[in-house]
Protein backbone atom coordinates (compact mmCIF):
# COMPACT_ATOMS: atom_id res chain seq x y z
CA MET A 1 141.14 162.78 160.85
CA ARG A 2 138.37 161.86 163.30
CA LEU A 3 136.95 159.15 161.04
CA GLU A 4 136.94 156.40 163.65
CA ASN A 5 133.17 155.96 163.21
CA GLN A 6 133.65 155.38 159.45
CA VAL A 7 137.01 153.57 159.04
CA GLY A 8 139.69 151.69 160.95
CA SER A 9 138.05 148.30 161.48
CA LEU A 10 135.73 145.89 159.72
CA GLU A 11 132.35 146.54 161.30
CA VAL A 12 128.78 147.00 160.08
CA GLY A 13 128.28 150.55 158.84
CA LYS A 14 131.97 151.29 158.22
CA SER A 15 133.66 151.66 154.85
CA ALA A 16 135.19 148.30 153.94
CA ASP A 17 138.29 148.76 151.81
CA PHE A 18 140.65 145.78 151.86
CA LEU A 19 142.66 143.28 149.83
CA ILE A 20 142.86 139.51 150.03
CA LEU A 21 146.38 138.26 149.32
CA ASP A 22 147.62 134.79 148.42
CA ARG A 23 149.90 134.60 151.47
CA ASN A 24 150.37 135.95 154.96
CA ILE A 25 152.95 138.67 154.32
CA PHE A 26 153.96 138.63 157.98
CA ARG A 27 155.06 134.97 157.80
CA VAL A 28 157.03 134.72 154.57
CA PRO A 29 160.67 135.58 153.91
CA VAL A 30 161.17 139.20 152.83
CA ALA A 31 162.78 137.95 149.61
CA THR A 32 159.44 136.44 148.51
CA LEU A 33 157.21 139.49 149.17
CA ALA A 34 157.43 140.64 145.54
CA GLN A 35 155.78 137.36 144.50
CA THR A 36 152.63 138.16 146.52
CA LYS A 37 149.47 138.26 144.41
CA VAL A 38 146.23 140.11 145.08
CA LEU A 39 143.28 137.70 144.92
CA GLN A 40 140.49 140.19 145.58
CA THR A 41 140.04 143.94 146.09
CA THR A 42 137.05 145.33 148.00
CA PHE A 43 136.22 149.05 148.01
CA GLU A 44 133.41 150.51 150.10
CA GLY A 45 132.12 146.99 150.73
CA GLU A 46 131.89 146.02 147.05
CA VAL A 47 134.23 143.59 145.29
CA VAL A 48 135.83 145.70 142.53
CA TRP A 49 138.41 143.17 141.32
CA GLU A 50 138.80 139.42 141.65
CA ASP A 51 141.37 137.01 140.27
CA GLY A 52 139.57 134.58 137.96
CA GLY A 53 141.25 131.61 139.68
CA PHE A 54 140.14 132.61 143.17
């Protein structure tokens, strides 16, 4: 797609789309993945959703 100057890493000037989860999904048993909760969603560098308890 040749968007490496716009996306692909968190750097100044790039589009920042990411989630913050309540656990490290790479370190929990697969059976518990469905219990993962999204704490915050960021789209184009702006927080668009945040859990009230976060």
